[in-house]
Amino acid sequence: MIVSITVILTLISFFIWYKYGRDNLTVPVVTFKPPAGLNPAEAELAYKGKITYAGILGLVFYLANKGYLKIQNDFVRTIFWFEKIKDYDGTNFMEKDFLDMLFVHGKSFEPYSDAHIAYLMKYYYEFIKKHNEKKKVLFEKDSLNPTLKGITIFNFVTVLLFTLSYLFYKDNAILSIMVLAYLVQCFPILFIFSKFKLGRIGLILLFIFQGFMFAMMALFAMMLIGKDFPAFLTCLAGTVICGICMYHLPKRNRIGQNILGRLEGLKKFLETTEKHKLKQLVKQNTLQFYDVLPYIFVLGAFGHVADLLGSVMMSPPNWYVGEEFSMEQIKKAMGLLKFVV
């Protein structure tokens, strides 16, 4: 009965994804230019389907580039703060709303101020919820139906519970502990994978190790669960499929696909350009790099770019006030903003 229900729910989730979540093939437009006419938060909405802290961080640097604020760096106290240069005079309501929220207490925003942080805590999620509504312009209307998302979530949770029921079947505490230990050991592996650039041999060794660990877990699961092991594997596979189908909703429309192609092209450029070429490009086109910088946060490529450029000194932008300017300084400012957000 459990296996039959799992198969039915998995097929329903797959059908919903195939009809309402499957994006058309995206062709990356490899370039070192940001998408025209989009601020970082709007770009993130097209890229991820929602606005997160990365889009908010990007907005700070984007508005600084537009001349609305300055970033002050105090080397003595090792702190950053923001000064408002002028009121918003554009036509984008999201940008005006964000600038007003950031400087609600006056011309200065201090990330260390309890009053400023308390205000952001109150209105940050309200801001994101309000402007996430812009996804209607970037995604197919039918795929935004909350009922579809609700069904895929229900299917995922149900099949996950079926899978967990086998782990605790007949008080299989040993198996439960073993699965938990396997998942826990995955976290440091993921950290290493995200922070360090592994060579081909390192990647091969990593996959061999993970394959061995998974095979051992599967072997013990087969021994402890016994004749129910095929049913357990069916539920486990159903959980994975339902989770993927749930994650890949909704479906982008033609506008969203075009924006996604430009963003993926920019990310591909940043990730594939050789270190010395990127350094030379940034030195020769510093102003263009500052235009691209807010979108690097959204693409999750900031750490990679920061590692490549290291402490390379650059001509400071108009919106920066301090003794020196490099990716290290941006990294510090980003860390502070990320903590506040």
C-alpha atoms as a PDB file:
ATOM      1  CA  MET A   1       0.000   0.000   0.000  1.00  0.00           C
ATOM      2  CA  ILE A   2       2.753   2.467   0.976  1.00  0.00           C
ATOM      3  CA  VAL A   3       4.712   1.744  -2.202  1.00  0.00           C
ATOM      4  CA  SER A   4       1.617   2.220  -4.373  1.00  0.00           C
ATOM      5  CA  ILE A   5       0.793   5.557  -2.752  1.00  0.00           C
ATOM      6  CA  THR A   6       4.431   6.650  -3.096  1.00  0.00           C
ATOM      7  CA  VAL A   7       4.446   5.862  -6.817  1.00  0.00           C
ATOM      8  CA  ILE A   8       1.146   7.699  -7.381  1.00  0.00           C
ATOM      9  CA  LEU A   9       2.248  10.815  -5.466  1.00  0.00           C
ATOM     10  CA  THR A  10       5.620  10.829  -7.242  1.00  0.00           C
ATOM     11  CA  LEU A  11       3.937  10.615 -10.654  1.00  0.00           C
ATOM     12  CA  ILE A  12       1.602  13.485  -9.741  1.00  0.00           C
ATOM     13  CA  SER A  13       4.561  15.670  -8.712  1.00  0.00           C
ATOM     14  CA  PHE A  14       6.430  14.740 -11.890  1.00  0.00           C
ATOM     15  CA  PHE A  15       3.410  15.633 -14.050  1.00  0.00           C
ATOM     16  CA  ILE A  16       3.030  19.011 -12.314  1.00  0.00           C
ATOM     17  CA  TRP A  17       6.721  19.757 -12.862  1.00  0.00           C
ATOM     18  CA  TYR A  18       6.647  18.594 -16.501  1.00  0.00           C
ATOM     19  CA  LYS A  19       3.647  20.767 -17.345  1.00  0.00           C
ATOM     20  CA  TYR A  20       4.104  23.787 -15.044  1.00  0.00           C
ATOM     21  CA  GLY A  21       7.743  23.823 -13.915  1.00  0.00           C
ATOM     22  CA  ARG A  22       9.925  22.577 -16.758  1.00  0.00           C
ATOM     23  CA  ASP A  23      11.805  25.547 -18.183  1.00  0.00           C
ATOM     24  CA  ASN A  24      12.724  25.694 -21.849  1.00  0.00           C
ATOM     25  CA  LEU A  25      16.379  25.220 -22.735  1.00  0.00           C
ATOM     26  CA  THR A  26      18.346  28.311 -21.718  1.00  0.00           C
ATOM     27  CA  VAL A  27      21.223  29.477 -23.900  1.00  0.00           C
ATOM     28  CA  PRO A  28      23.750  31.420 -21.773  1.00  0.00           C
ATOM     29  CA  VAL A  29      24.873  34.704 -23.326  1.00  0.00           C
ATOM     30  CA  VAL A  30      28.507  34.807 -22.166  1.00  0.00           C
ATOM     31  CA  THR A  31      29.406  38.420 -21.451  1.00  0.00           C
ATOM     32  CA  PHE A  32      30.943  40.715 -18.853  1.00  0.00           C
ATOM     33  CA  LYS A  33      27.911  42.993 -18.714  1.00  0.00           C
ATOM     34  CA  PRO A  34      24.997  43.147 -16.257  1.00  0.00           C
ATOM     35  CA  PRO A  35      21.448  42.635 -17.570  1.00  0.00           C
ATOM     36  CA  ALA A  36      20.139  45.999 -18.771  1.00  0.00           C
ATOM     37  CA  GLY A  37      17.102  47.503 -17.098  1.00  0.00           C
ATOM     38  CA  LEU A  38      17.163  45.258 -14.021  1.00  0.00           C
ATOM     39  CA  ASN A  39      18.404  45.974 -10.523  1.00  0.00           C
ATOM     40  CA  PRO A  40      20.029  43.059  -8.591  1.00  0.00           C
ATOM     41  CA  ALA A  41      16.884  42.193  -6.630  1.00  0.00           C
ATOM     42  CA  GLU A  42      14.833  41.926  -9.836  1.00  0.00           C
ATOM     43  CA  ALA A  43      17.622  39.883 -11.433  1.00  0.00           C
ATOM     44  CA  GLU A  44      17.612  37.535  -8.434  1.00  0.00           C
ATOM     45  CA  LEU A  45      13.859  37.160  -8.770  1.00  0.00           C
ATOM     46  CA  ALA A  46      14.372  35.900 -12.329  1.00  0.00           C
ATOM     47  CA  TYR A  47      17.378  33.781 -11.351  1.00  0.00           C
ATOM     48  CA  LYS A  48      16.090  32.123  -8.157  1.00  0.00           C
ATOM     49  CA  GLY A  49      12.373  32.848  -8.198  1.00  0.00           C
ATOM     50  CA  LYS A  50      12.606  34.914  -5.021  1.00  0.00           C
ATOM     51  CA  ILE A  51      14.467  37.802  -3.409  1.00  0.00           C
ATOM     52  CA  THR A  52      16.972  36.906  -0.671  1.00  0.00           C
ATOM     53  CA  TYR A  53      19.683  38.723   1.271  1.00  0.00           C
ATOM     54  CA  ALA A  54      21.934  38.487  -1.834  1.00  0.00           C
ATOM     55  CA  GLY A  55      19.577  40.703  -3.794  1.00  0.00           C
ATOM     56  CA  ILE A  56      19.385  43.126  -0.874  1.00  0.00           C
ATOM     57  CA  LEU A  57      23.193  43.308  -0.679  1.00  0.00           C
ATOM     58  CA  GLY A  58      23.334  43.907  -4.399  1.00  0.00           C
ATOM     59  CA  LEU A  59      20.812  46.747  -4.102  1.00  0.00           C
ATOM     60  CA  VAL A  60      23.118  48.604  -1.699  1.00  0.00           C
ATOM     61  CA  PHE A  61      26.000  48.635  -4.194  1.00  0.00           C
ATOM     62  CA  TYR A  62      23.647  49.193  -7.128  1.00  0.00           C
ATOM     63  CA  LEU A  63      22.154  52.342  -5.570  1.00  0.00           C
ATOM     64  CA  ALA A  64      25.648  53.473  -4.609  1.00  0.00           C
ATOM     65  CA  ASN A  65      26.648  53.163  -8.274  1.00  0.00           C
ATOM     66  CA  LYS A  66      23.621  55.276  -9.186  1.00  0.00           C
ATOM     67  CA  GLY A  67      24.793  58.046  -6.862  1.00  0.00           C
ATOM     68  CA  TYR A  68      22.205  57.691  -4.083  1.00  0.00           C
ATOM     69  CA  LEU A  69      24.533  56.703  -1.235  1.00  0.00           C
ATOM     70  CA  LYS A  70      28.162  56.441  -0.157  1.00  0.00           C
ATOM     71  CA  ILE A  71      29.892  53.698   1.803  1.00  0.00           C
ATOM     72  CA  GLN A  72      32.134  55.120   4.532  1.00  0.00           C
ATOM     73  CA  ASN A  73      35.070  53.078   5.833  1.00  0.00           C
ATOM     74  CA  ASP A  74      36.605  53.969   9.201  1.00  0.00           C
ATOM     75  CA  PHE A  75      39.942  52.164   9.489  1.00  0.00           C
ATOM     76  CA  VAL A  76      40.487  53.287  13.065  1.00  0.00           C
ATOM     77  CA  ARG A  77      37.280  51.725  14.372  1.00  0.00           C
ATOM     78  CA  THR A  78      37.152  49.132  11.530  1.00  0.00           C
ATOM     79  CA  ILE A  79      33.491  49.832  10.791  1.00  0.00           C
ATOM     80  CA  PHE A  80      31.386  50.710   7.769  1.00  0.00           C
ATOM     81  CA  TRP A  81      28.339  52.927   7.500  1.00  0.00           C
ATOM     82  CA  PHE A  82      26.242  54.448   4.720  1.00  0.00           C
ATOM     83  CA  GLU A  83      25.496  58.076   3.932  1.00  0.00           C
ATOM     84  CA  LYS A  84      22.538  59.113   1.805  1.00  0.00           C
ATOM     85  CA  ILE A  85      23.523  61.486  -1.006  1.00  0.00           C
ATOM     86  CA  LYS A  86      20.129  62.359  -2.450  1.00  0.00           C
ATOM     87  CA  ASP A  87      16.496  61.288  -2.524  1.00  0.00           C
ATOM     88  CA  TYR A  88      15.413  58.768  -5.106  1.00  0.00           C
ATOM     89  CA  ASP A  89      14.372  60.431  -8.364  1.00  0.00           C
ATOM     90  CA  GLY A  90      13.891  57.367 -10.601  1.00  0.00           C
ATOM     91  CA  THR A  91      10.788  55.431 -11.623  1.00  0.00           C
ATOM     92  CA  ASN A  92      11.480  52.039  -9.992  1.00  0.00           C
ATOM     93  CA  PHE A  93       9.250  51.669  -6.926  1.00  0.00           C
ATOM     94  CA  MET A  94      11.334  48.838  -5.465  1.00  0.00           C
ATOM     95  CA  GLU A  95      14.498  50.951  -5.461  1.00  0.00           C
ATOM     96  CA  LYS A  96      12.675  53.919  -3.908  1.00  0.00           C
ATOM     97  CA  ASP A  97      11.119  51.680  -1.272  1.00  0.00           C
ATOM     98  CA  PHE A  98      14.484  50.167  -0.361  1.00  0.00           C
ATOM     99  CA  LEU A  99      16.278  53.520  -0.157  1.00  0.00           C
ATOM    100  CA  ASP A 100      13.510  54.915   2.058  1.00  0.00           C
ATOM    101  CA  MET A 101      13.679  51.830   4.288  1.00  0.00           C
ATOM    102  CA  LEU A 102      17.456  52.042   4.605  1.00  0.00           C
ATOM    103  CA  PHE A 103      17.498  55.721   5.592  1.00  0.00           C
ATOM    104  CA  VAL A 104      14.248  55.967   7.525  1.00  0.00           C
ATOM    105  CA  HIS A 105      16.133  57.427  10.531  1.00  0.00           C
ATOM    106  CA  GLY A 106      17.908  60.159   8.587  1.00  0.00           C
ATOM    107  CA  LYS A 107      20.816  60.625   6.195  1.00  0.00           C
ATOM    108  CA  SER A 108      22.962  57.931   7.796  1.00  0.00           C
ATOM    109  CA  PHE A 109      22.561  54.174   8.250  1.00  0.00           C
ATOM    110  CA  GLU A 110      24.793  52.546  10.859  1.00  0.00           C
ATOM    111  CA  PRO A 111      24.740  48.716  10.838  1.00  0.00           C
ATOM    112  CA  TYR A 112      25.804  48.759  14.498  1.00  0.00           C
ATOM    113  CA  SER A 113      22.839  50.879  15.596  1.00  0.00           C
ATOM    114  CA  ASP A 114      20.243  48.958  17.606  1.00  0.00           C
ATOM    115  CA  ALA A 115      17.499  51.288  16.363  1.00  0.00           C
ATOM    116  CA  HIS A 116      18.385  50.705  12.701  1.00  0.00           C
ATOM    117  CA  ILE A 117      18.650  46.943  13.119  1.00  0.00           C
ATOM    118  CA  ALA A 118      15.333  46.779  14.996  1.00  0.00           C
ATOM    119  CA  TYR A 119      13.637  48.700  12.183  1.00  0.00           C
ATOM    120  CA  LEU A 120      15.103  46.430   9.499  1.00  0.00           C
ATOM    121  CA  MET A 121      14.005  43.354  11.448  1.00  0.00           C
ATOM    122  CA  LYS A 122      10.473  44.733  11.368  1.00  0.00           C
ATOM    123  CA  TYR A 123      10.270  45.679   7.684  1.00  0.00           C
ATOM    124  CA  TYR A 124      12.810  43.448   5.905  1.00  0.00           C
ATOM    125  CA  TYR A 125      10.471  40.488   5.297  1.00  0.00           C
ATOM    126  CA  GLU A 126       7.600  42.831   4.544  1.00  0.00           C
ATOM    127  CA  PHE A 127       9.738  44.434   1.818  1.00  0.00           C
ATOM    128  CA  ILE A 128      10.671  41.049   0.330  1.00  0.00           C
ATOM    129  CA  LYS A 129       7.099  39.754   0.427  1.00  0.00           C
ATOM    130  CA  LYS A 130       5.767  42.869  -1.284  1.00  0.00           C
ATOM    131  CA  HIS A 131       8.311  42.908  -4.095  1.00  0.00           C
ATOM    132  CA  ASN A 132       8.328  39.159  -4.679  1.00  0.00           C
ATOM    133  CA  GLU A 133       5.006  39.853  -6.373  1.00  0.00           C
ATOM    134  CA  LYS A 134       7.036  41.060  -9.360  1.00  0.00           C
ATOM    135  CA  LYS A 135       7.623  37.436 -10.285  1.00  0.00           C
ATOM    136  CA  LYS A 136       4.276  37.561 -12.106  1.00  0.00           C
ATOM    137  CA  VAL A 137       6.103  39.410 -14.898  1.00  0.00           C
ATOM    138  CA  LEU A 138       8.831  36.746 -15.155  1.00  0.00           C
ATOM    139  CA  PHE A 139       6.965  33.455 -14.705  1.00  0.00           C
ATOM    140  CA  GLU A 140       4.050  31.736 -16.413  1.00  0.00           C
ATOM    141  CA  LYS A 141       0.772  32.699 -14.768  1.00  0.00           C
ATOM    142  CA  ASP A 142      -0.544  29.129 -14.516  1.00  0.00           C
ATOM    143  CA  SER A 143       2.647  27.894 -12.838  1.00  0.00           C
ATOM    144  CA  LEU A 144       2.281  30.486 -10.051  1.00  0.00           C
ATOM    145  CA  ASN A 145      -0.932  28.850  -8.815  1.00  0.00           C
ATOM    146  CA  PRO A 146      -0.307  28.217  -5.088  1.00  0.00           C
ATOM    147  CA  THR A 147      -2.391  25.029  -5.277  1.00  0.00           C
ATOM    148  CA  LEU A 148       0.265  23.402  -7.476  1.00  0.00           C
ATOM    149  CA  LYS A 149       2.993  24.303  -5.013  1.00  0.00           C
ATOM    150  CA  GLY A 150       0.829  23.043  -2.155  1.00  0.00           C
ATOM    151  CA  ILE A 151       0.283  19.683  -3.858  1.00  0.00           C
ATOM    152  CA  THR A 152       4.014  19.157  -4.487  1.00  0.00           C
ATOM    153  CA  ILE A 153       4.826  20.088  -0.885  1.00  0.00           C
ATOM    154  CA  PHE A 154       2.176  17.682   0.406  1.00  0.00           C
ATOM    155  CA  ASN A 155       3.506  14.890  -1.822  1.00  0.00           C
ATOM    156  CA  PHE A 156       7.097  15.517  -0.727  1.00  0.00           C
ATOM    157  CA  VAL A 157       6.252  15.537   2.992  1.00  0.00           C
ATOM    158  CA  THR A 158       4.065  12.432   2.716  1.00  0.00           C
ATOM    159  CA  VAL A 159       6.644  10.375   0.827  1.00  0.00           C
ATOM    160  CA  LEU A 160       9.370  11.613   3.196  1.00  0.00           C
ATOM    161  CA  LEU A 161       7.339  10.367   6.163  1.00  0.00           C
ATOM    162  CA  PHE A 162       6.917   7.000   4.432  1.00  0.00           C
ATOM    163  CA  THR A 163      10.704   6.830   4.012  1.00  0.00           C
ATOM    164  CA  LEU A 164      11.325   7.727   7.646  1.00  0.00           C
ATOM    165  CA  SER A 165       8.818   5.115   8.778  1.00  0.00           C
ATOM    166  CA  TYR A 166      11.124   2.407   7.403  1.00  0.00           C
ATOM    167  CA  LEU A 167      14.077   3.859   9.272  1.00  0.00           C
ATOM    168  CA  PHE A 168      12.205   3.573  12.562  1.00  0.00           C
ATOM    169  CA  TYR A 169      10.486   0.314  11.608  1.00  0.00           C
ATOM    170  CA  LYS A 170      10.861  -2.262  14.396  1.00  0.00           C
ATOM    171  CA  ASP A 171      12.794   0.276  16.468  1.00  0.00           C
ATOM    172  CA  ASN A 172      15.689   0.437  14.021  1.00  0.00           C
ATOM    173  CA  ALA A 173      17.541   2.956  16.165  1.00  0.00           C
ATOM    174  CA  ILE A 174      20.904   1.769  14.814  1.00  0.00           C
ATOM    175  CA  LEU A 175      19.843   2.479  11.230  1.00  0.00           C
ATOM    176  CA  SER A 176      18.461   5.889  12.178  1.00  0.00           C
ATOM    177  CA  ILE A 177      21.707   6.855  13.884  1.00  0.00           C
ATOM    178  CA  MET A 178      23.700   5.584  10.909  1.00  0.00           C
ATOM    179  CA  VAL A 179      21.677   7.627   8.390  1.00  0.00           C
ATOM    180  CA  LEU A 180      21.970  10.703  10.607  1.00  0.00           C
ATOM    181  CA  ALA A 181      25.749  10.202  10.868  1.00  0.00           C
ATOM    182  CA  TYR A 182      25.994   9.924   7.076  1.00  0.00           C
ATOM    183  CA  LEU A 183      24.062  13.175   6.592  1.00  0.00           C
ATOM    184  CA  VAL A 184      26.160  14.954   9.241  1.00  0.00           C
ATOM    185  CA  GLN A 185      29.444  13.954   7.574  1.00  0.00           C
ATOM    186  CA  CYS A 186      28.130  15.428   4.311  1.00  0.00           C
ATOM    187  CA  PHE A 187      28.171  18.980   5.733  1.00  0.00           C
ATOM    188  CA  PRO A 188      31.972  19.360   6.074  1.00  0.00           C
ATOM    189  CA  ILE A 189      32.339  17.801   2.606  1.00  0.00           C
ATOM    190  CA  LEU A 190      29.950  20.388   1.143  1.00  0.00           C
ATOM    191  CA  PHE A 191      31.844  23.151   2.983  1.00  0.00           C
ATOM    192  CA  ILE A 192      35.161  22.004   1.512  1.00  0.00           C
ATOM    193  CA  PHE A 193      33.584  21.696  -1.925  1.00  0.00           C
ATOM    194  CA  SER A 194      32.185  25.259  -1.780  1.00  0.00           C
ATOM    195  CA  LYS A 195      35.247  26.965  -0.250  1.00  0.00           C
ATOM    196  CA  PHE A 196      38.142  25.283  -2.028  1.00  0.00           C
ATOM    197  CA  LYS A 197      38.790  24.686  -5.692  1.00  0.00           C
ATOM    198  CA  LEU A 198      39.525  20.962  -5.956  1.00  0.00           C
ATOM    199  CA  GLY A 199      41.513  19.529  -8.820  1.00  0.00           C
ATOM    200  CA  ARG A 200      40.438  16.538 -10.898  1.00  0.00           C
ATOM    201  CA  ILE A 201      42.164  14.065  -8.562  1.00  0.00           C
ATOM    202  CA  GLY A 202      40.591  15.726  -5.510  1.00  0.00           C
ATOM    203  CA  LEU A 203      37.114  15.484  -7.049  1.00  0.00           C
ATOM    204  CA  ILE A 204      37.638  11.832  -7.975  1.00  0.00           C
ATOM    205  CA  LEU A 205      38.765  10.984  -4.441  1.00  0.00           C
ATOM    206  CA  LEU A 206      35.838  12.916  -2.984  1.00  0.00           C
ATOM    207  CA  PHE A 207      33.293  11.031  -5.113  1.00  0.00           C
ATOM    208  CA  ILE A 208      34.951   7.684  -4.327  1.00  0.00           C
ATOM    209  CA  PHE A 209      34.775   8.427  -0.597  1.00  0.00           C
ATOM    210  CA  GLN A 210      31.136   9.539  -0.751  1.00  0.00           C
ATOM    211  CA  GLY A 211      30.238   6.538  -2.899  1.00  0.00           C
ATOM    212  CA  PHE A 212      31.858   4.196  -0.379  1.00  0.00           C
ATOM    213  CA  MET A 213      30.029   5.835   2.544  1.00  0.00           C
ATOM    214  CA  PHE A 214      26.684   5.645   0.731  1.00  0.00           C
ATOM    215  CA  ALA A 215      27.273   2.004  -0.277  1.00  0.00           C
ATOM    216  CA  MET A 216      28.042   1.076   3.344  1.00  0.00           C
ATOM    217  CA  MET A 217      24.901   2.811   4.551  1.00  0.00           C
ATOM    218  CA  ALA A 218      22.816   1.059   1.888  1.00  0.00           C
ATOM    219  CA  LEU A 219      24.329  -2.324   2.839  1.00  0.00           C
ATOM    220  CA  PHE A 220      23.504  -1.878   6.530  1.00  0.00           C
ATOM    221  CA  ALA A 221      20.029  -0.637   5.611  1.00  0.00           C
ATOM    222  CA  MET A 222      19.471  -3.767   3.517  1.00  0.00           C
ATOM    223  CA  MET A 223      20.565  -5.971   6.415  1.00  0.00           C
ATOM    224  CA  LEU A 224      18.414  -4.196   9.026  1.00  0.00           C
ATOM    225  CA  ILE A 225      15.282  -3.587   6.975  1.00  0.00           C
ATOM    226  CA  GLY A 226      15.430  -6.999   5.280  1.00  0.00           C
ATOM    227  CA  LYS A 227      12.617  -7.831   2.867  1.00  0.00           C
ATOM    228  CA  ASP A 228      11.272  -4.255   3.041  1.00  0.00           C
ATOM    229  CA  PHE A 229      14.474  -2.811   1.548  1.00  0.00           C
ATOM    230  CA  PRO A 230      13.067  -2.508  -2.050  1.00  0.00           C
ATOM    231  CA  ALA A 231      10.076  -0.610  -0.669  1.00  0.00           C
ATOM    232  CA  PHE A 232      12.425   1.625   1.293  1.00  0.00           C
ATOM    233  CA  LEU A 233      14.448   2.397  -1.845  1.00  0.00           C
ATOM    234  CA  THR A 234      11.225   3.205  -3.739  1.00  0.00           C
ATOM    235  CA  CYS A 235      10.182   5.678  -1.039  1.00  0.00           C
ATOM    236  CA  LEU A 236      13.670   7.181  -0.916  1.00  0.00           C
ATOM    237  CA  ALA A 237      13.715   7.671  -4.707  1.00  0.00           C
ATOM    238  CA  GLY A 238      10.190   9.127  -4.543  1.00  0.00           C
ATOM    239  CA  THR A 239      11.313  11.597  -1.869  1.00  0.00           C
ATOM    240  CA  VAL A 240      14.174  12.814  -4.052  1.00  0.00           C
ATOM    241  CA  ILE A 241      11.991  13.155  -7.163  1.00  0.00           C
ATOM    242  CA  CYS A 242       9.185  14.925  -5.288  1.00  0.00           C
ATOM    243  CA  GLY A 243      11.713  17.297  -3.723  1.00  0.00           C
ATOM    244  CA  ILE A 244      13.229  18.189  -7.107  1.00  0.00           C
ATOM    245  CA  CYS A 245       9.796  18.720  -8.678  1.00  0.00           C
ATOM    246  CA  MET A 246       8.744  20.917  -5.749  1.00  0.00           C
ATOM    247  CA  TYR A 247      11.925  22.999  -5.968  1.00  0.00           C
ATOM    248  CA  HIS A 248      11.631  23.639  -9.719  1.00  0.00           C
ATOM    249  CA  LEU A 249       8.288  25.417  -9.630  1.00  0.00           C
ATOM    250  CA  PRO A 250       7.231  27.826 -11.144  1.00  0.00           C
ATOM    251  CA  LYS A 251       8.088  28.020 -14.879  1.00  0.00           C
ATOM    252  CA  ARG A 252       9.724  31.104 -16.401  1.00  0.00           C
ATOM    253  CA  ASN A 253       8.097  32.858 -19.326  1.00  0.00           C
ATOM    254  CA  ARG A 254       9.996  34.206 -22.346  1.00  0.00           C
ATOM    255  CA  ILE A 255      11.084  37.349 -20.477  1.00  0.00           C
ATOM    256  CA  GLY A 256      12.336  35.316 -17.517  1.00  0.00           C
ATOM    257  CA  GLN A 257      14.171  32.907 -19.837  1.00  0.00           C
ATOM    258  CA  ASN A 258      15.980  35.750 -21.609  1.00  0.00           C
ATOM    259  CA  ILE A 259      17.081  37.275 -18.303  1.00  0.00           C
ATOM    260  CA  LEU A 260      18.173  33.857 -17.002  1.00  0.00           C
ATOM    261  CA  GLY A 261      20.287  33.340 -20.127  1.00  0.00           C
ATOM    262  CA  ARG A 262      22.088  36.665 -19.593  1.00  0.00           C
ATOM    263  CA  LEU A 263      22.690  35.973 -15.905  1.00  0.00           C
ATOM    264  CA  GLU A 264      23.974  32.437 -16.516  1.00  0.00           C
ATOM    265  CA  GLY A 265      26.223  33.846 -19.251  1.00  0.00           C
ATOM    266  CA  LEU A 266      27.687  36.390 -16.829  1.00  0.00           C
ATOM    267  CA  LYS A 267      28.251  33.678 -14.214  1.00  0.00           C
ATOM    268  CA  LYS A 268      29.899  31.413 -16.782  1.00  0.00           C
ATOM    269  CA  PHE A 269      32.202  34.259 -17.804  1.00  0.00           C
ATOM    270  CA  LEU A 270      33.244  34.872 -14.198  1.00  0.00           C
ATOM    271  CA  GLU A 271      33.807  31.191 -13.461  1.00  0.00           C
ATOM    272  CA  THR A 272      35.711  30.290 -16.646  1.00  0.00           C
ATOM    273  CA  THR A 273      37.910  33.352 -17.175  1.00  0.00           C
ATOM    274  CA  GLU A 274      41.504  32.742 -16.137  1.00  0.00           C
ATOM    275  CA  LYS A 275      42.819  34.548 -13.069  1.00  0.00           C
ATOM    276  CA  HIS A 276      45.345  36.802 -14.811  1.00  0.00           C
ATOM    277  CA  LYS A 277      42.860  37.705 -17.557  1.00  0.00           C
ATOM    278  CA  LEU A 278      40.180  38.660 -15.023  1.00  0.00           C
ATOM    279  CA  LYS A 279      42.669  40.806 -13.088  1.00  0.00           C
ATOM    280  CA  GLN A 280      43.711  42.568 -16.285  1.00  0.00           C
ATOM    281  CA  LEU A 281      40.095  43.083 -17.324  1.00  0.00           C
ATOM    282  CA  VAL A 282      39.139  44.579 -13.964  1.00  0.00           C
ATOM    283  CA  LYS A 283      42.114  46.953 -14.016  1.00  0.00           C
ATOM    284  CA  GLN A 284      41.307  48.099 -17.556  1.00  0.00           C
ATOM    285  CA  ASN A 285      37.528  48.348 -17.057  1.00  0.00           C
ATOM    286  CA  THR A 286      37.153  49.213 -13.393  1.00  0.00           C
ATOM    287  CA  LEU A 287      33.917  51.177 -13.849  1.00  0.00           C
ATOM    288  CA  GLN A 288      32.348  48.281 -15.752  1.00  0.00           C
ATOM    289  CA  PHE A 289      33.377  45.923 -12.954  1.00  0.00           C
ATOM    290  CA  TYR A 290      31.566  48.155 -10.435  1.00  0.00           C
ATOM    291  CA  ASP A 291      28.452  47.897 -12.603  1.00  0.00           C
ATOM    292  CA  VAL A 292      28.750  44.101 -12.590  1.00  0.00           C
ATOM    293  CA  LEU A 293      29.601  43.819  -8.864  1.00  0.00           C
ATOM    294  CA  PRO A 294      26.004  44.018  -7.485  1.00  0.00           C
ATOM    295  CA  TYR A 295      24.983  41.068  -9.687  1.00  0.00           C
ATOM    296  CA  ILE A 296      27.944  38.944  -8.582  1.00  0.00           C
ATOM    297  CA  PHE A 297      26.288  38.658  -5.147  1.00  0.00           C
ATOM    298  CA  VAL A 298      23.064  37.406  -6.742  1.00  0.00           C
ATOM    299  CA  LEU A 299      24.889  34.782  -8.816  1.00  0.00           C
ATOM    300  CA  GLY A 300      26.696  33.411  -5.763  1.00  0.00           C
ATOM    301  CA  ALA A 301      30.039  34.078  -7.470  1.00  0.00           C
ATOM    302  CA  PHE A 302      31.413  36.718  -5.101  1.00  0.00           C
ATOM    303  CA  GLY A 303      33.617  34.313  -3.132  1.00  0.00           C
ATOM    304  CA  HIS A 304      35.129  32.951  -6.343  1.00  0.00           C
ATOM    305  CA  VAL A 305      35.797  36.422  -7.776  1.00  0.00           C
ATOM    306  CA  ALA A 306      37.176  37.684  -4.452  1.00  0.00           C
ATOM    307  CA  ASP A 307      39.603  34.752  -4.294  1.00  0.00           C
ATOM    308  CA  LEU A 308      40.769  35.415  -7.857  1.00  0.00           C
ATOM    309  CA  LEU A 309      41.304  39.141  -7.373  1.00  0.00           C
ATOM    310  CA  GLY A 310      42.574  38.860  -3.790  1.00  0.00           C
ATOM    311  CA  SER A 311      44.095  42.116  -2.555  1.00  0.00           C
ATOM    312  CA  VAL A 312      44.414  43.701  -6.008  1.00  0.00           C
ATOM    313  CA  MET A 313      44.168  47.464  -5.557  1.00  0.00           C
ATOM    314  CA  MET A 314      41.579  49.192  -7.713  1.00  0.00           C
ATOM    315  CA  SER A 315      40.676  52.805  -8.372  1.00  0.00           C
ATOM    316  CA  PRO A 316      38.088  53.577  -5.680  1.00  0.00           C
ATOM    317  CA  PRO A 317      34.570  54.279  -6.972  1.00  0.00           C
ATOM    318  CA  ASN A 318      32.844  57.597  -6.323  1.00  0.00           C
ATOM    319  CA  TRP A 319      30.625  55.967  -3.706  1.00  0.00           C
ATOM    320  CA  TYR A 320      33.513  54.783  -1.488  1.00  0.00           C
ATOM    321  CA  VAL A 321      35.205  56.882   1.202  1.00  0.00           C
ATOM    322  CA  GLY A 322      38.286  55.341   2.800  1.00  0.00           C
ATOM    323  CA  GLU A 323      42.046  54.960   2.638  1.00  0.00           C
ATOM    324  CA  GLU A 324      42.232  52.007   0.215  1.00  0.00           C
ATOM    325  CA  PHE A 325      39.921  49.958  -1.927  1.00  0.00           C
ATOM    326  CA  SER A 326      40.127  46.271  -2.874  1.00  0.00           C
ATOM    327  CA  MET A 327      37.981  43.138  -2.935  1.00  0.00           C
ATOM    328  CA  GLU A 328      39.073  42.524   0.645  1.00  0.00           C
ATOM    329  CA  GLN A 329      37.335  45.753   1.699  1.00  0.00           C
ATOM    330  CA  ILE A 330      34.195  44.806  -0.237  1.00  0.00           C
ATOM    331  CA  LYS A 331      34.296  41.399   1.427  1.00  0.00           C
ATOM    332  CA  LYS A 332      34.359  43.013   4.867  1.00  0.00           C
ATOM    333  CA  ALA A 333      31.486  45.332   4.002  1.00  0.00           C
ATOM    334  CA  MET A 334      29.537  42.408   2.554  1.00  0.00           C
ATOM    335  CA  GLY A 335      30.122  40.331   5.684  1.00  0.00           C
ATOM    336  CA  LEU A 336      28.770  43.121   7.837  1.00  0.00           C
ATOM    337  CA  LEU A 337      25.731  43.674   5.624  1.00  0.00           C
ATOM    338  CA  LYS A 338      25.045  39.934   5.473  1.00  0.00           C
ATOM    339  CA  PHE A 339      25.139  39.783   9.283  1.00  0.00           C
ATOM    340  CA  VAL A 340      22.679  42.689   9.577  1.00  0.00           C
ATOM    341  CA  VAL A 341      20.324  41.286   6.934  1.00  0.00           C
END
